[in-house]
Amino acid sequence: MPREFLHVDPRTLHLPTSRWNGADPYKLARQKALHGDSIDGMPPILVTRYKDGRLVINDGVTRAARAAELLPGVPVTVEVEAERLDQDVSQYPTVGDTLP
């Protein structure tokens, strides 16, 4: 599969089952201290595309949470690593669901 990059609102990205509570608070605070609201140079968030085009984060939950919280509505770059169109993940929480 060729590399595919998309620009999406990070609030709409679904969380993996291992991170349903959202970003680790310590890591999120550290990223905010180091990078603030800048996404310049931020590596793409790695995702898998599921049924109905929904994107689930494989790597980058904390980056997505930081961008969603500090830059609402600003799209981030994601890289689609794989597709699993046979599974419905619509009930998975999104990054936006875990933000205050």
PDB file of N, CA and C in Angstrom:
ATOM      1  N   MET A   1       0.839  -1.171   0.000  1.00  0.00           N
ATOM      2  CA  MET A   1       0.000   0.000   0.000  1.00  0.00           C
ATOM      3  C   MET A   1       0.894   1.248   0.000  1.00  0.00           C
ATOM      4  N   PRO A   2       0.681   2.155  -0.927  1.00  0.00           N
ATOM      5  CA  PRO A   2       1.490   3.377  -0.926  1.00  0.00           C
ATOM      6  C   PRO A   2       1.169   4.237   0.285  1.00  0.00           C
ATOM      7  N   ARG A   3       2.128   5.041   0.691  1.00  0.00           N
ATOM      8  CA  ARG A   3       1.918   5.911   1.852  1.00  0.00           C
ATOM      9  C   ARG A   3       0.825   6.917   1.532  1.00  0.00           C
ATOM     10  N   GLU A   4      -0.091   7.075   2.476  1.00  0.00           N
ATOM     11  CA  GLU A   4      -1.194   8.013   2.307  1.00  0.00           C
ATOM     12  C   GLU A   4      -1.232   8.947   3.508  1.00  0.00           C
ATOM     13  N   PHE A   5      -1.211  10.240   3.222  1.00  0.00           N
ATOM     14  CA  PHE A   5      -1.252  11.253   4.264  1.00  0.00           C
ATOM     15  C   PHE A   5      -2.542  12.044   4.118  1.00  0.00           C
ATOM     16  N   LEU A   6      -3.174  12.329   5.246  1.00  0.00           N
ATOM     17  CA  LEU A   6      -4.413  13.104   5.276  1.00  0.00           C
ATOM     18  C   LEU A   6      -4.254  14.231   6.287  1.00  0.00           C
ATOM     19  N   HIS A   7      -5.072  15.259   6.142  1.00  0.00           N
ATOM     20  CA  HIS A   7      -5.138  16.341   7.126  1.00  0.00           C
ATOM     21  C   HIS A   7      -6.522  16.277   7.751  1.00  0.00           C
ATOM     22  N   VAL A   8      -6.564  16.027   9.051  1.00  0.00           N
ATOM     23  CA  VAL A   8      -7.842  15.845   9.748  1.00  0.00           C
ATOM     24  C   VAL A   8      -7.848  16.613  11.069  1.00  0.00           C
ATOM     25  N   ASP A   9      -9.049  16.898  11.552  1.00  0.00           N
ATOM     26  CA  ASP A   9      -9.216  17.495  12.869  1.00  0.00           C
ATOM     27  C   ASP A   9      -8.881  16.412  13.892  1.00  0.00           C
ATOM     28  N   PRO A  10      -7.901  16.640  14.771  1.00  0.00           N
ATOM     29  CA  PRO A  10      -7.512  15.585  15.715  1.00  0.00           C
ATOM     30  C   PRO A  10      -8.625  15.182  16.673  1.00  0.00           C
ATOM     31  N   ARG A  11      -9.609  16.044  16.896  1.00  0.00           N
ATOM     32  CA  ARG A  11     -10.718  15.703  17.795  1.00  0.00           C
ATOM     33  C   ARG A  11     -11.547  14.536  17.254  1.00  0.00           C
ATOM     34  N   THR A  12     -11.499  14.301  15.937  1.00  0.00           N
ATOM     35  CA  THR A  12     -12.320  13.259  15.317  1.00  0.00           C
ATOM     36  C   THR A  12     -11.638  11.898  15.286  1.00  0.00           C
ATOM     37  N   LEU A  13     -10.375  11.838  15.643  1.00  0.00           N
ATOM     38  CA  LEU A  13      -9.648  10.567  15.610  1.00  0.00           C
ATOM     39  C   LEU A  13     -10.115   9.682  16.762  1.00  0.00           C
ATOM     40  N   HIS A  14     -10.326   8.407  16.449  1.00  0.00           N
ATOM     41  CA  HIS A  14     -10.748   7.449  17.471  1.00  0.00           C
ATOM     42  C   HIS A  14      -9.532   6.930  18.232  1.00  0.00           C
ATOM     43  N   LEU A  15      -9.753   6.641  19.507  1.00  0.00           N
ATOM     44  CA  LEU A  15      -8.687   6.140  20.373  1.00  0.00           C
ATOM     45  C   LEU A  15      -8.594   4.620  20.276  1.00  0.00           C
ATOM     46  N   PRO A  16      -7.382   4.081  20.388  1.00  0.00           N
ATOM     47  CA  PRO A  16      -7.245   2.627  20.421  1.00  0.00           C
ATOM     48  C   PRO A  16      -7.772   2.083  21.745  1.00  0.00           C
ATOM     49  N   THR A  17      -8.091   0.812  21.779  1.00  0.00           N
ATOM     50  CA  THR A  17      -8.662   0.216  22.991  1.00  0.00           C
ATOM     51  C   THR A  17      -7.727   0.345  24.191  1.00  0.00           C
ATOM     52  N   SER A  18      -6.445   0.399  23.948  1.00  0.00           N
ATOM     53  CA  SER A  18      -5.484   0.505  25.044  1.00  0.00           C
ATOM     54  C   SER A  18      -5.421   1.906  25.645  1.00  0.00           C
ATOM     55  N   ARG A  19      -6.030   2.892  24.996  1.00  0.00           N
ATOM     56  CA  ARG A  19      -5.942   4.279  25.467  1.00  0.00           C
ATOM     57  C   ARG A  19      -7.315   4.947  25.511  1.00  0.00           C
ATOM     58  N   TRP A  20      -8.357   4.217  25.861  1.00  0.00           N
ATOM     59  CA  TRP A  20      -9.705   4.774  25.870  1.00  0.00           C
ATOM     60  C   TRP A  20      -9.879   5.935  26.833  1.00  0.00           C
ATOM     61  N   ASN A  21      -8.987   6.080  27.797  1.00  0.00           N
ATOM     62  CA  ASN A  21      -9.066   7.211  28.719  1.00  0.00           C
ATOM     63  C   ASN A  21      -8.387   8.451  28.153  1.00  0.00           C
ATOM     64  N   GLY A  22      -7.782   8.331  26.980  1.00  0.00           N
ATOM     65  CA  GLY A  22      -7.117   9.471  26.358  1.00  0.00           C
ATOM     66  C   GLY A  22      -5.631   9.486  26.635  1.00  0.00           C
ATOM     67  N   ALA A  23      -5.050  10.666  26.459  1.00  0.00           N
ATOM     68  CA  ALA A  23      -3.607  10.827  26.605  1.00  0.00           C
ATOM     69  C   ALA A  23      -3.177  10.678  28.062  1.00  0.00           C
ATOM     70  N   ASP A  24      -1.978  10.172  28.239  1.00  0.00           N
ATOM     71  CA  ASP A  24      -1.374  10.086  29.564  1.00  0.00           C
ATOM     72  C   ASP A  24      -1.156  11.516  30.065  1.00  0.00           C
ATOM     73  N   PRO A  25      -1.702  11.874  31.239  1.00  0.00           N
ATOM     74  CA  PRO A  25      -1.615  13.257  31.718  1.00  0.00           C
ATOM     75  C   PRO A  25      -0.172  13.761  31.878  1.00  0.00           C
ATOM     76  N   TYR A  26       0.732  12.898  32.329  1.00  0.00           N
ATOM     77  CA  TYR A  26       2.131  13.301  32.492  1.00  0.00           C
ATOM     78  C   TYR A  26       2.760  13.608  31.138  1.00  0.00           C
ATOM     79  N   LYS A  27       2.570  12.707  30.173  1.00  0.00           N
ATOM     80  CA  LYS A  27       3.136  12.931  28.845  1.00  0.00           C
ATOM     81  C   LYS A  27       2.538  14.167  28.191  1.00  0.00           C
ATOM     82  N   LEU A  28       1.232  14.387  28.384  1.00  0.00           N
ATOM     83  CA  LEU A  28       0.579  15.551  27.802  1.00  0.00           C
ATOM     84  C   LEU A  28       1.148  16.840  28.394  1.00  0.00           C
ATOM     85  N   ALA A  29       1.331  16.884  29.710  1.00  0.00           N
ATOM     86  CA  ALA A  29       1.910  18.067  30.356  1.00  0.00           C
ATOM     87  C   ALA A  29       3.332  18.318  29.866  1.00  0.00           C
ATOM     88  N   ARG A  30       4.098  17.243  29.712  1.00  0.00           N
ATOM     89  CA  ARG A  30       5.474  17.380  29.220  1.00  0.00           C
ATOM     90  C   ARG A  30       5.499  17.926  27.797  1.00  0.00           C
ATOM     91  N   GLN A  31       4.624  17.410  26.927  1.00  0.00           N
ATOM     92  CA  GLN A  31       4.581  17.908  25.554  1.00  0.00           C
ATOM     93  C   GLN A  31       4.152  19.372  25.499  1.00  0.00           C
ATOM     94  N   LYS A  32       3.185  19.741  26.341  1.00  0.00           N
ATOM     95  CA  LYS A  32       2.756  21.143  26.380  1.00  0.00           C
ATOM     96  C   LYS A  32       3.913  22.039  26.802  1.00  0.00           C
ATOM     97  N   ALA A  33       4.689  21.600  27.790  1.00  0.00           N
ATOM     98  CA  ALA A  33       5.821  22.394  28.266  1.00  0.00           C
ATOM     99  C   ALA A  33       6.902  22.520  27.199  1.00  0.00           C
ATOM    100  N   LEU A  34       7.150  21.441  26.472  1.00  0.00           N
ATOM    101  CA  LEU A  34       8.211  21.446  25.463  1.00  0.00           C
ATOM    102  C   LEU A  34       7.805  22.145  24.164  1.00  0.00           C
ATOM    103  N   HIS A  35       6.567  21.928  23.721  1.00  0.00           N
ATOM    104  CA  HIS A  35       6.168  22.375  22.384  1.00  0.00           C
ATOM    105  C   HIS A  35       5.059  23.417  22.378  1.00  0.00           C
ATOM    106  N   GLY A  36       4.381  23.605  23.498  1.00  0.00           N
ATOM    107  CA  GLY A  36       3.275  24.561  23.534  1.00  0.00           C
ATOM    108  C   GLY A  36       2.223  24.206  22.505  1.00  0.00           C
ATOM    109  N   ASP A  37       1.733  25.226  21.791  1.00  0.00           N
ATOM    110  CA  ASP A  37       0.698  24.968  20.793  1.00  0.00           C
ATOM    111  C   ASP A  37       1.259  24.836  19.379  1.00  0.00           C
ATOM    112  N   SER A  38       2.560  24.628  19.261  1.00  0.00           N
ATOM    113  CA  SER A  38       3.171  24.485  17.936  1.00  0.00           C
ATOM    114  C   SER A  38       3.067  23.041  17.443  1.00  0.00           C
ATOM    115  N   ILE A  39       2.658  22.900  16.193  1.00  0.00           N
ATOM    116  CA  ILE A  39       2.672  21.573  15.566  1.00  0.00           C
ATOM    117  C   ILE A  39       3.699  21.532  14.439  1.00  0.00           C
ATOM    118  N   ASP A  40       4.494  22.586  14.307  1.00  0.00           N
ATOM    119  CA  ASP A  40       5.563  22.612  13.311  1.00  0.00           C
ATOM    120  C   ASP A  40       6.565  21.514  13.622  1.00  0.00           C
ATOM    121  N   GLY A  41       6.860  20.684  12.647  1.00  0.00           N
ATOM    122  CA  GLY A  41       7.817  19.605  12.824  1.00  0.00           C
ATOM    123  C   GLY A  41       7.275  18.393  13.550  1.00  0.00           C
ATOM    124  N   MET A  42       5.986  18.413  13.914  1.00  0.00           N
ATOM    125  CA  MET A  42       5.400  17.265  14.618  1.00  0.00           C
ATOM    126  C   MET A  42       5.281  16.086  13.647  1.00  0.00           C
ATOM    127  N   PRO A  43       5.771  14.904  14.041  1.00  0.00           N
ATOM    128  CA  PRO A  43       5.639  13.743  13.156  1.00  0.00           C
ATOM    129  C   PRO A  43       4.164  13.422  12.914  1.00  0.00           C
ATOM    130  N   PRO A  44       3.853  12.839  11.757  1.00  0.00           N
ATOM    131  CA  PRO A  44       2.451  12.466  11.498  1.00  0.00           C
ATOM    132  C   PRO A  44       1.952  11.470  12.536  1.00  0.00           C
ATOM    133  N   ILE A  45       0.677  11.569  12.840  1.00  0.00           N
ATOM    134  CA  ILE A  45       0.016  10.616  13.722  1.00  0.00           C
ATOM    135  C   ILE A  45      -0.296   9.384  12.874  1.00  0.00           C
ATOM    136  N   LEU A  46       0.058   8.209  13.351  1.00  0.00           N
ATOM    137  CA  LEU A  46      -0.148   6.978  12.589  1.00  0.00           C
ATOM    138  C   LEU A  46      -1.520   6.402  12.915  1.00  0.00           C
ATOM    139  N   VAL A  47      -2.275   6.066  11.870  1.00  0.00           N
ATOM    140  CA  VAL A  47      -3.649   5.602  12.044  1.00  0.00           C
ATOM    141  C   VAL A  47      -3.940   4.391  11.159  1.00  0.00           C
ATOM    142  N   THR A  48      -5.015   3.691  11.524  1.00  0.00           N
ATOM    143  CA  THR A  48      -5.588   2.640  10.685  1.00  0.00           C
ATOM    144  C   THR A  48      -6.974   3.105  10.272  1.00  0.00           C
ATOM    145  N   ARG A  49      -7.313   2.925   8.998  1.00  0.00           N
ATOM    146  CA  ARG A  49      -8.646   3.288   8.512  1.00  0.00           C
ATOM    147  C   ARG A  49      -9.561   2.075   8.651  1.00  0.00           C
ATOM    148  N   TYR A  50     -10.730   2.309   9.268  1.00  0.00           N
ATOM    149  CA  TYR A  50     -11.717   1.254   9.475  1.00  0.00           C
ATOM    150  C   TYR A  50     -12.977   1.555   8.673  1.00  0.00           C
ATOM    151  N   LYS A  51     -13.974   0.739   8.881  1.00  0.00           N
ATOM    152  CA  LYS A  51     -15.266   0.869   8.208  1.00  0.00           C
ATOM    153  C   LYS A  51     -15.763   2.316   8.284  1.00  0.00           C
ATOM    154  N   ASP A  52     -16.405   2.780   7.225  1.00  0.00           N
ATOM    155  CA  ASP A  52     -16.950   4.137   7.128  1.00  0.00           C
ATOM    156  C   ASP A  52     -15.876   5.214   7.171  1.00  0.00           C
ATOM    157  N   GLY A  53     -14.613   4.850   6.918  1.00  0.00           N
ATOM    158  CA  GLY A  53     -13.540   5.831   6.872  1.00  0.00           C
ATOM    159  C   GLY A  53     -13.060   6.326   8.219  1.00  0.00           C
ATOM    160  N   ARG A  54     -13.516   5.696   9.282  1.00  0.00           N
ATOM    161  CA  ARG A  54     -13.098   6.126  10.620  1.00  0.00           C
ATOM    162  C   ARG A  54     -11.624   5.795  10.829  1.00  0.00           C
ATOM    163  N   LEU A  55     -10.921   6.706  11.510  1.00  0.00           N
ATOM    164  CA  LEU A  55      -9.486   6.556  11.722  1.00  0.00           C
ATOM    165  C   LEU A  55      -9.210   6.310  13.202  1.00  0.00           C
ATOM    166  N   VAL A  56      -8.460   5.245  13.492  1.00  0.00           N
ATOM    167  CA  VAL A  56      -8.080   4.895  14.862  1.00  0.00           C
ATOM    168  C   VAL A  56      -6.570   5.100  14.988  1.00  0.00           C
ATOM    169  N   ILE A  57      -6.172   5.792  16.040  1.00  0.00           N
ATOM    170  CA  ILE A  57      -4.760   6.104  16.256  1.00  0.00           C
ATOM    171  C   ILE A  57      -3.982   4.849  16.636  1.00  0.00           C
ATOM    172  N   ASN A  58      -2.852   4.634  15.951  1.00  0.00           N
ATOM    173  CA  ASN A  58      -1.906   3.583  16.315  1.00  0.00           C
ATOM    174  C   ASN A  58      -0.777   4.157  17.156  1.00  0.00           C
ATOM    175  N   ASP A  59      -0.348   5.365  16.812  1.00  0.00           N
ATOM    176  CA  ASP A  59       0.746   6.027  17.519  1.00  0.00           C
ATOM    177  C   ASP A  59       0.513   7.529  17.444  1.00  0.00           C
ATOM    178  N   GLY A  60       0.448   8.177  18.600  1.00  0.00           N
ATOM    179  CA  GLY A  60       0.300   9.623  18.597  1.00  0.00           C
ATOM    180  C   GLY A  60      -0.894  10.146  19.370  1.00  0.00           C
ATOM    181  N   VAL A  61      -1.394   9.385  20.330  1.00  0.00           N
ATOM    182  CA  VAL A  61      -2.548   9.827  21.114  1.00  0.00           C
ATOM    183  C   VAL A  61      -2.235  11.141  21.831  1.00  0.00           C
ATOM    184  N   THR A  62      -1.059  11.238  22.422  1.00  0.00           N
ATOM    185  CA  THR A  62      -0.707  12.443  23.168  1.00  0.00           C
ATOM    186  C   THR A  62      -0.556  13.638  22.238  1.00  0.00           C
ATOM    187  N   ARG A  63       0.078  13.437  21.084  1.00  0.00           N
ATOM    188  CA  ARG A  63       0.216  14.528  20.106  1.00  0.00           C
ATOM    189  C   ARG A  63      -1.148  14.998  19.630  1.00  0.00           C
ATOM    190  N   ALA A  64      -2.043  14.052  19.367  1.00  0.00           N
ATOM    191  CA  ALA A  64      -3.388  14.405  18.908  1.00  0.00           C
ATOM    192  C   ALA A  64      -4.143  15.176  19.981  1.00  0.00           C
ATOM    193  N   ALA A  65      -4.019  14.752  21.236  1.00  0.00           N
ATOM    194  CA  ALA A  65      -4.709  15.428  22.339  1.00  0.00           C
ATOM    195  C   ALA A  65      -4.174  16.844  22.523  1.00  0.00           C
ATOM    196  N   ARG A  66      -2.870  17.015  22.433  1.00  0.00           N
ATOM    197  CA  ARG A  66      -2.280  18.342  22.585  1.00  0.00           C
ATOM    198  C   ARG A  66      -2.768  19.283  21.491  1.00  0.00           C
ATOM    199  N   ALA A  67      -2.749  18.806  20.250  1.00  0.00           N
ATOM    200  CA  ALA A  67      -3.206  19.636  19.137  1.00  0.00           C
ATOM    201  C   ALA A  67      -4.694  19.950  19.262  1.00  0.00           C
ATOM    202  N   ALA A  68      -5.483  18.967  19.632  1.00  0.00           N
ATOM    203  CA  ALA A  68      -6.930  19.167  19.749  1.00  0.00           C
ATOM    204  C   ALA A  68      -7.274  20.155  20.855  1.00  0.00           C
ATOM    205  N   GLU A  69      -6.537  20.093  21.950  1.00  0.00           N
ATOM    206  CA  GLU A  69      -6.821  20.968  23.087  1.00  0.00           C
ATOM    207  C   GLU A  69      -6.326  22.392  22.846  1.00  0.00           C
ATOM    208  N   LEU A  70      -5.117  22.527  22.326  1.00  0.00           N
ATOM    209  CA  LEU A  70      -4.511  23.855  22.208  1.00  0.00           C
ATOM    210  C   LEU A  70      -4.790  24.547  20.882  1.00  0.00           C
ATOM    211  N   LEU A  71      -5.143  23.779  19.856  1.00  0.00           N
ATOM    212  CA  LEU A  71      -5.406  24.345  18.529  1.00  0.00           C
ATOM    213  C   LEU A  71      -6.718  23.793  17.976  1.00  0.00           C
ATOM    214  N   PRO A  72      -7.849  24.081  18.631  1.00  0.00           N
ATOM    215  CA  PRO A  72      -9.120  23.499  18.188  1.00  0.00           C
ATOM    216  C   PRO A  72      -9.433  23.853  16.738  1.00  0.00           C
ATOM    217  N   GLY A  73      -9.813  22.832  15.983  1.00  0.00           N
ATOM    218  CA  GLY A  73     -10.198  23.026  14.589  1.00  0.00           C
ATOM    219  C   GLY A  73      -9.046  23.054  13.602  1.00  0.00           C
ATOM    220  N   VAL A  74      -7.809  23.062  14.088  1.00  0.00           N
ATOM    221  CA  VAL A  74      -6.642  23.074  13.193  1.00  0.00           C
ATOM    222  C   VAL A  74      -6.319  21.635  12.810  1.00  0.00           C
ATOM    223  N   PRO A  75      -6.293  21.332  11.508  1.00  0.00           N
ATOM    224  CA  PRO A  75      -6.004  19.950  11.102  1.00  0.00           C
ATOM    225  C   PRO A  75      -4.548  19.565  11.355  1.00  0.00           C
ATOM    226  N   VAL A  76      -4.342  18.278  11.611  1.00  0.00           N
ATOM    227  CA  VAL A  76      -3.005  17.710  11.761  1.00  0.00           C
ATOM    228  C   VAL A  76      -2.809  16.665  10.666  1.00  0.00           C
ATOM    229  N   THR A  77      -1.554  16.340  10.407  1.00  0.00           N
ATOM    230  CA  THR A  77      -1.233  15.326   9.403  1.00  0.00           C
ATOM    231  C   THR A  77      -1.267  13.951  10.039  1.00  0.00           C
ATOM    232  N   VAL A  78      -1.959  13.027   9.371  1.00  0.00           N
ATOM    233  CA  VAL A  78      -1.965  11.630   9.794  1.00  0.00           C
ATOM    234  C   VAL A  78      -1.494  10.779   8.623  1.00  0.00           C
ATOM    235  N   GLU A  79      -0.859   9.679   8.950  1.00  0.00           N
ATOM    236  CA  GLU A  79      -0.440   8.713   7.933  1.00  0.00           C
ATOM    237  C   GLU A  79      -1.254   7.439   8.122  1.00  0.00           C
ATOM    238  N   VAL A  80      -1.938   7.025   7.054  1.00  0.00           N
ATOM    239  CA  VAL A  80      -2.732   5.800   7.088  1.00  0.00           C
ATOM    240  C   VAL A  80      -1.776   4.629   6.876  1.00  0.00           C
ATOM    241  N   GLU A  81      -1.610   3.826   7.923  1.00  0.00           N
ATOM    242  CA  GLU A  81      -0.698   2.680   7.867  1.00  0.00           C
ATOM    243  C   GLU A  81      -1.364   1.434   7.319  1.00  0.00           C
ATOM    244  N   ALA A  82      -2.659   1.287   7.585  1.00  0.00           N
ATOM    245  CA  ALA A  82      -3.355   0.056   7.202  1.00  0.00           C
ATOM    246  C   ALA A  82      -4.843   0.339   7.064  1.00  0.00           C
ATOM    247  N   GLU A  83      -5.545  -0.615   6.470  1.00  0.00           N
ATOM    248  CA  GLU A  83      -6.997  -0.543   6.357  1.00  0.00           C
ATOM    249  C   GLU A  83      -7.592  -1.836   6.869  1.00  0.00           C
ATOM    250  N   ARG A  84      -8.664  -1.718   7.645  1.00  0.00           N
ATOM    251  CA  ARG A  84      -9.411  -2.878   8.151  1.00  0.00           C
ATOM    252  C   ARG A  84     -10.880  -2.542   7.993  1.00  0.00           C
ATOM    253  N   LEU A  85     -11.360  -2.624   6.796  1.00  0.00           N
ATOM    254  CA  LEU A  85     -12.707  -2.171   6.477  1.00  0.00           C
ATOM    255  C   LEU A  85     -13.795  -3.121   6.964  1.00  0.00           C
ATOM    256  N   ASP A  86     -13.406  -4.244   7.572  1.00  0.00           N
ATOM    257  CA  ASP A  86     -14.375  -5.236   8.035  1.00  0.00           C
ATOM    258  C   ASP A  86     -14.867  -4.974   9.452  1.00  0.00           C
ATOM    259  N   GLN A  87     -14.266  -4.015  10.160  1.00  0.00           N
ATOM    260  CA  GLN A  87     -14.590  -3.809  11.571  1.00  0.00           C
ATOM    261  C   GLN A  87     -15.208  -2.423  11.777  1.00  0.00           C
ATOM    262  N   ASP A  88     -16.257  -2.372  12.573  1.00  0.00           N
ATOM    263  CA  ASP A  88     -16.923  -1.114  12.899  1.00  0.00           C
ATOM    264  C   ASP A  88     -16.369  -0.588  14.219  1.00  0.00           C
ATOM    265  N   VAL A  89     -15.791   0.601  14.197  1.00  0.00           N
ATOM    266  CA  VAL A  89     -15.215   1.192  15.407  1.00  0.00           C
ATOM    267  C   VAL A  89     -15.970   2.459  15.814  1.00  0.00           C
ATOM    268  N   SER A  90     -17.192   2.602  15.336  1.00  0.00           N
ATOM    269  CA  SER A  90     -17.955   3.821  15.600  1.00  0.00           C
ATOM    270  C   SER A  90     -18.212   4.045  17.088  1.00  0.00           C
ATOM    271  N   GLN A  91     -18.164   3.000  17.890  1.00  0.00           N
ATOM    272  CA  GLN A  91     -18.401   3.147  19.328  1.00  0.00           C
ATOM    273  C   GLN A  91     -17.124   3.493  20.096  1.00  0.00           C
ATOM    274  N   TYR A  92     -15.978   3.464  19.435  1.00  0.00           N
ATOM    275  CA  TYR A  92     -14.738   3.832  20.098  1.00  0.00           C
ATOM    276  C   TYR A  92     -14.788   5.331  20.432  1.00  0.00           C
ATOM    277  N   PRO A  93     -14.291   5.728  21.603  1.00  0.00           N
ATOM    278  CA  PRO A  93     -14.261   7.163  21.919  1.00  0.00           C
ATOM    279  C   PRO A  93     -13.271   7.888  21.012  1.00  0.00           C
ATOM    280  N   THR A  94     -13.511   9.175  20.836  1.00  0.00           N
ATOM    281  CA  THR A  94     -12.599  10.008  20.042  1.00  0.00           C
ATOM    282  C   THR A  94     -11.739  10.849  20.966  1.00  0.00           C
ATOM    283  N   VAL A  95     -10.722  11.455  20.408  1.00  0.00           N
ATOM    284  CA  VAL A  95      -9.874  12.366  21.177  1.00  0.00           C
ATOM    285  C   VAL A  95     -10.739  13.458  21.776  1.00  0.00           C
ATOM    286  N   GLY A  96     -11.677  13.996  21.002  1.00  0.00           N
ATOM    287  CA  GLY A  96     -12.561  15.052  21.482  1.00  0.00           C
ATOM    288  C   GLY A  96     -13.421  14.636  22.658  1.00  0.00           C
ATOM    289  N   ASP A  97     -13.772  13.365  22.727  1.00  0.00           N
ATOM    290  CA  ASP A  97     -14.586  12.861  23.842  1.00  0.00           C
ATOM    291  C   ASP A  97     -13.835  12.920  25.173  1.00  0.00           C
ATOM    292  N   THR A  98     -12.505  12.903  25.130  1.00  0.00           N
ATOM    293  CA  THR A  98     -11.717  12.828  26.360  1.00  0.00           C
ATOM    294  C   THR A  98     -11.211  14.190  26.822  1.00  0.00           C
ATOM    295  N   LEU A  99     -11.467  15.227  26.053  1.00  0.00           N
ATOM    296  CA  LEU A  99     -10.988  16.559  26.422  1.00  0.00           C
ATOM    297  C   LEU A  99     -11.991  17.263  27.330  1.00  0.00           C
ATOM    298  N   PRO A 100     -11.479  18.148  28.193  1.00  0.00           N
ATOM    299  CA  PRO A 100     -12.394  18.877  29.081  1.00  0.00           C
ATOM    300  C   PRO A 100     -13.291  19.836  28.314  1.00  0.00           C
TER     301      PRO A 100
END
